[in-house]
N, C-alpha and C. Protein backbone atom coordinates (compact mmCIF):
# COMPACT_ATOMS: atom_id res chain seq x y z
N MET A 1 12.70 -17.94 33.41
CA MET A 1 11.59 -17.31 34.05
C MET A 1 10.59 -17.17 33.67
N ALA A 2 9.40 -17.44 34.45
CA ALA A 2 8.11 -16.77 33.99
C ALA A 2 7.52 -16.48 35.40
N ALA A 3 6.50 -15.31 34.64
CA ALA A 3 5.84 -15.06 36.06
C ALA A 3 4.72 -15.70 35.97
N ASN A 4 4.40 -15.77 37.67
CA ASN A 4 3.30 -16.68 38.23
C ASN A 4 1.96 -16.77 37.73
N GLY A 5 1.43 -17.59 37.00
CA GLY A 5 -0.04 -17.97 36.69
C GLY A 5 0.49 -18.06 34.96
N TYR A 6 1.70 -17.79 34.28
CA TYR A 6 1.92 -17.83 32.92
C TYR A 6 1.57 -19.24 32.47
N PRO A 7 0.95 -19.94 31.70
CA PRO A 7 0.58 -18.98 30.28
C PRO A 7 -0.65 -18.82 30.54
N GLY A 8 -1.07 -18.80 31.73
CA GLY A 8 -2.81 -18.10 31.51
C GLY A 8 -2.63 -16.59 32.20
N SER A 9 -3.27 -16.24 33.02
CA SER A 9 -3.18 -14.67 33.65
C SER A 9 -2.01 -14.54 34.52
N TYR A 10 -1.50 -13.92 34.75
CA TYR A 10 -0.18 -13.69 35.38
C TYR A 10 0.11 -12.47 35.93
N THR A 11 0.93 -12.55 36.98
CA THR A 11 1.37 -11.39 37.61
C THR A 11 2.45 -10.81 36.77
N LYS A 12 2.20 -9.06 37.06
CA LYS A 12 2.97 -8.08 36.00
C LYS A 12 3.50 -7.14 37.63
N ASN A 13 4.63 -6.35 37.13
CA ASN A 13 5.51 -5.63 37.73
C ASN A 13 5.83 -6.30 38.75
N ILE A 14 6.06 -7.16 38.79
CA ILE A 14 7.35 -7.96 39.73
C ILE A 14 8.86 -7.22 40.00
N PRO A 15 9.09 -6.61 41.33
CA PRO A 15 10.42 -5.96 40.86
C PRO A 15 11.88 -7.12 40.44
N LEU A 16 12.34 -6.59 39.89
CA LEU A 16 13.57 -7.66 39.36
C LEU A 16 14.69 -7.16 39.88
N ASN A 17 15.49 -8.22 40.81
CA ASN A 17 16.79 -7.52 40.98
C ASN A 17 18.16 -7.98 40.18
N ASN A 18 19.00 -7.44 40.23
CA ASN A 18 20.10 -7.46 39.59
C ASN A 18 21.69 -7.91 40.62
N PRO A 19 21.74 -9.09 40.87
CA PRO A 19 22.49 -9.38 42.11
C PRO A 19 24.30 -9.30 41.42
N ASP A 20 24.59 -9.02 42.48
CA ASP A 20 26.27 -8.62 42.71
C ASP A 20 26.77 -10.03 42.29
N GLY A 21 27.84 -9.80 41.39
CA GLY A 21 28.51 -10.93 40.92
C GLY A 21 28.04 -11.87 40.37
N LEU A 22 26.93 -11.69 39.51
CA LEU A 22 26.19 -12.78 38.69
C LEU A 22 26.92 -12.70 37.37
N SER A 23 27.71 -13.90 37.40
CA SER A 23 28.53 -14.57 36.31
C SER A 23 27.94 -14.91 34.92
N GLN A 24 26.25 -15.26 35.13
CA GLN A 24 25.51 -15.92 34.16
C GLN A 24 25.09 -14.48 33.31
N GLN A 25 24.74 -15.18 31.99
CA GLN A 25 23.76 -13.70 31.15
C GLN A 25 22.53 -14.29 31.28
N VAL A 26 22.00 -13.00 31.25
CA VAL A 26 20.49 -12.95 31.54
C VAL A 26 20.08 -11.86 30.55
N PHE A 27 19.00 -12.75 29.70
CA PHE A 27 18.82 -12.38 28.48
C PHE A 27 16.68 -11.54 28.97
N CYS A 28 16.62 -10.36 28.94
CA CYS A 28 15.47 -10.12 29.29
C CYS A 28 13.94 -9.87 28.42
N MET A 29 12.96 -10.03 28.85
CA MET A 29 11.71 -10.37 27.31
C MET A 29 10.80 -9.52 27.83
N GLY A 30 9.79 -9.92 28.84
CA GLY A 30 8.74 -9.40 29.33
C GLY A 30 9.25 -8.34 30.45
N VAL A 31 9.79 -7.42 29.81
CA VAL A 31 10.41 -6.41 31.11
C VAL A 31 10.22 -5.28 30.79
N LYS A 32 10.13 -4.49 31.94
CA LYS A 32 10.18 -2.66 31.62
C LYS A 32 11.09 -2.12 32.70
N GLU A 33 11.38 -0.85 32.10
CA GLU A 33 12.09 0.07 32.94
C GLU A 33 11.42 1.00 33.90
N GLU A 34 11.03 1.21 34.89
CA GLU A 34 10.79 2.77 35.54
C GLU A 34 11.65 3.01 36.49
N GLY A 35 11.91 4.27 36.56
CA GLY A 35 12.85 5.14 37.44
C GLY A 35 14.14 4.21 37.62
N GLY A 36 14.72 3.63 36.88
CA GLY A 36 15.91 3.11 37.11
C GLY A 36 16.10 1.26 37.53
N GLN A 37 14.64 0.71 37.59
CA GLN A 37 14.35 -0.55 38.30
C GLN A 37 13.68 -1.24 37.04
N LEU A 38 14.02 -2.38 37.27
CA LEU A 38 13.79 -3.39 36.06
C LEU A 38 11.82 -4.03 36.90
N PHE A 39 10.98 -4.12 36.58
CA PHE A 39 9.85 -5.07 36.55
C PHE A 39 9.34 -5.92 35.47
N SER A 40 8.72 -7.14 35.54
CA SER A 40 8.07 -7.66 34.77
C SER A 40 6.98 -7.19 34.10
N ASN A 41 6.95 -7.50 32.80
CA ASN A 41 5.93 -6.79 31.95
C ASN A 41 5.11 -7.76 31.23
N GLY A 42 5.19 -9.22 31.50
CA GLY A 42 4.98 -10.00 30.38
C GLY A 42 4.97 -11.49 31.51
N GLY A 43 4.53 -12.54 30.28
CA GLY A 43 4.45 -13.67 31.07
C GLY A 43 6.08 -14.30 31.23
N ARG A 44 6.72 -14.55 30.09
CA ARG A 44 7.81 -15.08 29.99
C ARG A 44 9.07 -13.58 30.26
N VAL A 45 9.71 -13.88 31.50
CA VAL A 45 10.48 -12.43 31.82
C VAL A 45 11.61 -12.50 31.53
N LEU A 46 12.52 -13.60 32.17
CA LEU A 46 13.98 -14.11 32.01
C LEU A 46 14.65 -15.44 31.43
N ILE A 47 15.97 -15.38 30.71
CA ILE A 47 16.24 -16.24 30.32
C ILE A 47 17.50 -16.15 31.27
N VAL A 48 18.15 -17.55 31.84
CA VAL A 48 19.56 -17.40 32.68
C VAL A 48 20.34 -18.56 31.85
N VAL A 49 21.43 -17.71 31.00
CA VAL A 49 22.15 -18.49 30.28
C VAL A 49 23.44 -19.20 31.08
N GLY A 50 23.65 -20.49 31.53
CA GLY A 50 25.08 -20.97 32.19
C GLY A 50 25.92 -21.34 31.21
N ARG A 51 26.98 -21.50 31.97
CA ARG A 51 28.29 -21.98 30.69
C ARG A 51 28.94 -23.00 31.98
N GLY A 52 29.44 -23.79 30.89
CA GLY A 52 30.38 -24.90 31.62
C GLY A 52 31.18 -25.82 30.46
N ALA A 53 32.11 -26.40 31.17
CA ALA A 53 33.10 -27.60 30.10
C ALA A 53 31.79 -28.62 29.24
N THR A 54 31.14 -29.21 30.53
CA THR A 54 30.26 -29.94 30.20
C THR A 54 28.65 -29.51 30.29
N LEU A 55 27.74 -30.49 29.17
CA LEU A 55 26.20 -29.57 29.50
C LEU A 55 25.87 -29.61 30.82
N LYS A 56 26.30 -30.85 31.48
CA LYS A 56 25.73 -30.99 33.02
C LYS A 56 26.54 -29.61 34.04
N GLU A 57 27.16 -29.18 33.67
CA GLU A 57 28.10 -27.85 34.37
C GLU A 57 27.52 -26.65 33.85
N ALA A 58 27.28 -26.49 32.96
CA ALA A 58 26.48 -25.38 31.91
C ALA A 58 25.08 -25.48 32.65
N GLN A 59 23.76 -26.67 32.75
CA GLN A 59 22.84 -26.58 33.47
C GLN A 59 23.36 -26.01 34.96
N GLN A 60 23.87 -26.97 35.83
CA GLN A 60 24.24 -26.40 37.13
C GLN A 60 24.40 -25.17 37.19
N ASP A 61 25.09 -24.52 36.31
CA ASP A 61 25.48 -23.05 36.46
C ASP A 61 24.03 -22.07 36.10
N ALA A 62 23.59 -22.44 35.05
CA ALA A 62 22.25 -21.64 34.99
C ALA A 62 21.35 -21.72 35.80
N TYR A 63 21.21 -22.84 36.64
CA TYR A 63 20.27 -23.04 38.04
C TYR A 63 20.84 -22.13 39.30
N GLN A 64 22.16 -21.99 39.42
CA GLN A 64 22.89 -20.92 40.16
C GLN A 64 22.48 -19.62 39.97
N GLY A 65 22.43 -19.20 38.67
CA GLY A 65 22.13 -17.99 38.48
C GLY A 65 20.81 -17.62 38.65
N VAL A 66 19.73 -18.73 38.59
CA VAL A 66 18.21 -18.26 38.58
C VAL A 66 18.01 -18.42 40.14
N ALA A 67 18.69 -19.06 41.30
CA ALA A 67 19.02 -19.24 42.37
C ALA A 67 18.94 -17.79 42.61
N LYS A 68 19.63 -16.67 42.18
CA LYS A 68 20.07 -15.66 42.49
C LYS A 68 18.98 -14.49 42.13
N MET A 69 18.31 -15.11 40.94
CA MET A 69 17.06 -14.07 40.36
C MET A 69 15.95 -14.49 41.23
N THR A 70 16.06 -15.57 41.88
CA THR A 70 14.50 -15.96 42.50
C THR A 70 13.46 -14.90 43.27
N HIS A 71 12.41 -14.98 43.10
CA HIS A 71 11.18 -13.98 43.60
C HIS A 71 10.30 -14.72 43.77
N PRO A 72 9.30 -14.78 45.03
CA PRO A 72 8.09 -15.40 45.06
C PRO A 72 6.97 -15.44 44.07
N ASP A 73 6.93 -14.38 43.12
CA ASP A 73 6.06 -14.14 42.04
C ASP A 73 6.45 -14.91 40.55
N LEU A 74 7.91 -15.63 40.53
CA LEU A 74 8.80 -16.04 39.46
C LEU A 74 8.64 -17.39 39.73
N PHE A 75 8.33 -18.13 38.29
CA PHE A 75 8.89 -19.61 38.50
C PHE A 75 9.93 -20.12 37.78
N TYR A 76 10.55 -21.46 37.51
CA TYR A 76 11.08 -21.87 36.30
C TYR A 76 10.98 -23.44 36.54
N ARG A 77 11.31 -23.85 35.13
CA ARG A 77 10.89 -25.38 34.94
C ARG A 77 12.45 -25.65 35.62
N LYS A 78 12.35 -26.88 35.96
CA LYS A 78 14.00 -27.74 36.35
C LYS A 78 13.83 -28.57 35.36
N ASP A 79 13.39 -28.67 34.50
CA ASP A 79 13.82 -30.17 33.64
C ASP A 79 14.26 -29.67 32.27
N ILE A 80 14.90 -28.96 32.13
CA ILE A 80 15.34 -27.95 31.02
C ILE A 80 16.99 -29.08 30.99
N GLY A 81 17.32 -29.62 29.42
CA GLY A 81 18.32 -30.08 29.45
C GLY A 81 18.31 -31.55 29.89
N TRP A 82 17.29 -32.09 30.76
CA TRP A 82 17.79 -33.26 31.32
C TRP A 82 17.70 -34.62 30.60
N GLN A 83 17.21 -34.38 29.32
CA GLN A 83 17.25 -35.96 28.83
C GLN A 83 19.00 -35.56 28.26
N ALA A 84 19.41 -34.63 27.69
CA ALA A 84 20.66 -34.65 27.34
C ALA A 84 21.61 -35.05 28.30
N VAL A 85 21.76 -34.29 29.56
CA VAL A 85 22.62 -34.61 30.67
C VAL A 85 22.41 -35.69 31.19
N ASN A 86 21.42 -36.56 31.10
CA ASN A 86 21.12 -38.05 31.78
C ASN A 86 21.28 -38.95 30.70
N SER A 87 21.80 -38.59 29.71
CA SER A 87 22.14 -39.62 28.53
C SER A 87 23.66 -40.05 28.58
C-alpha cells in the first residue's frame, strides 16, 4: 500500500488502523509511531502478505487484508501476481 501521490509528492501523517482479527502479515516501511498510534511517513507504507494453498488463494487473502487496512489517502495495485494466477 502506498500514500496518494506516490511516487511523486505524497501524503504523510495518514493514521493507520490495526484491525481486529487481521490474519494477514503486515510489514511496515514508511511508518512512524506517535503516542501509540501509527502514521504514514513515506511513500511506500505497508505490505500485506496473504496465505493460501494456491497462489490464487494467497492473492485473495492478501486483498482481503488490504480491504481491512484501506484509507482514502492510501492506494494499492490490483495486478500483483495476475500473470502467475491466470496461467
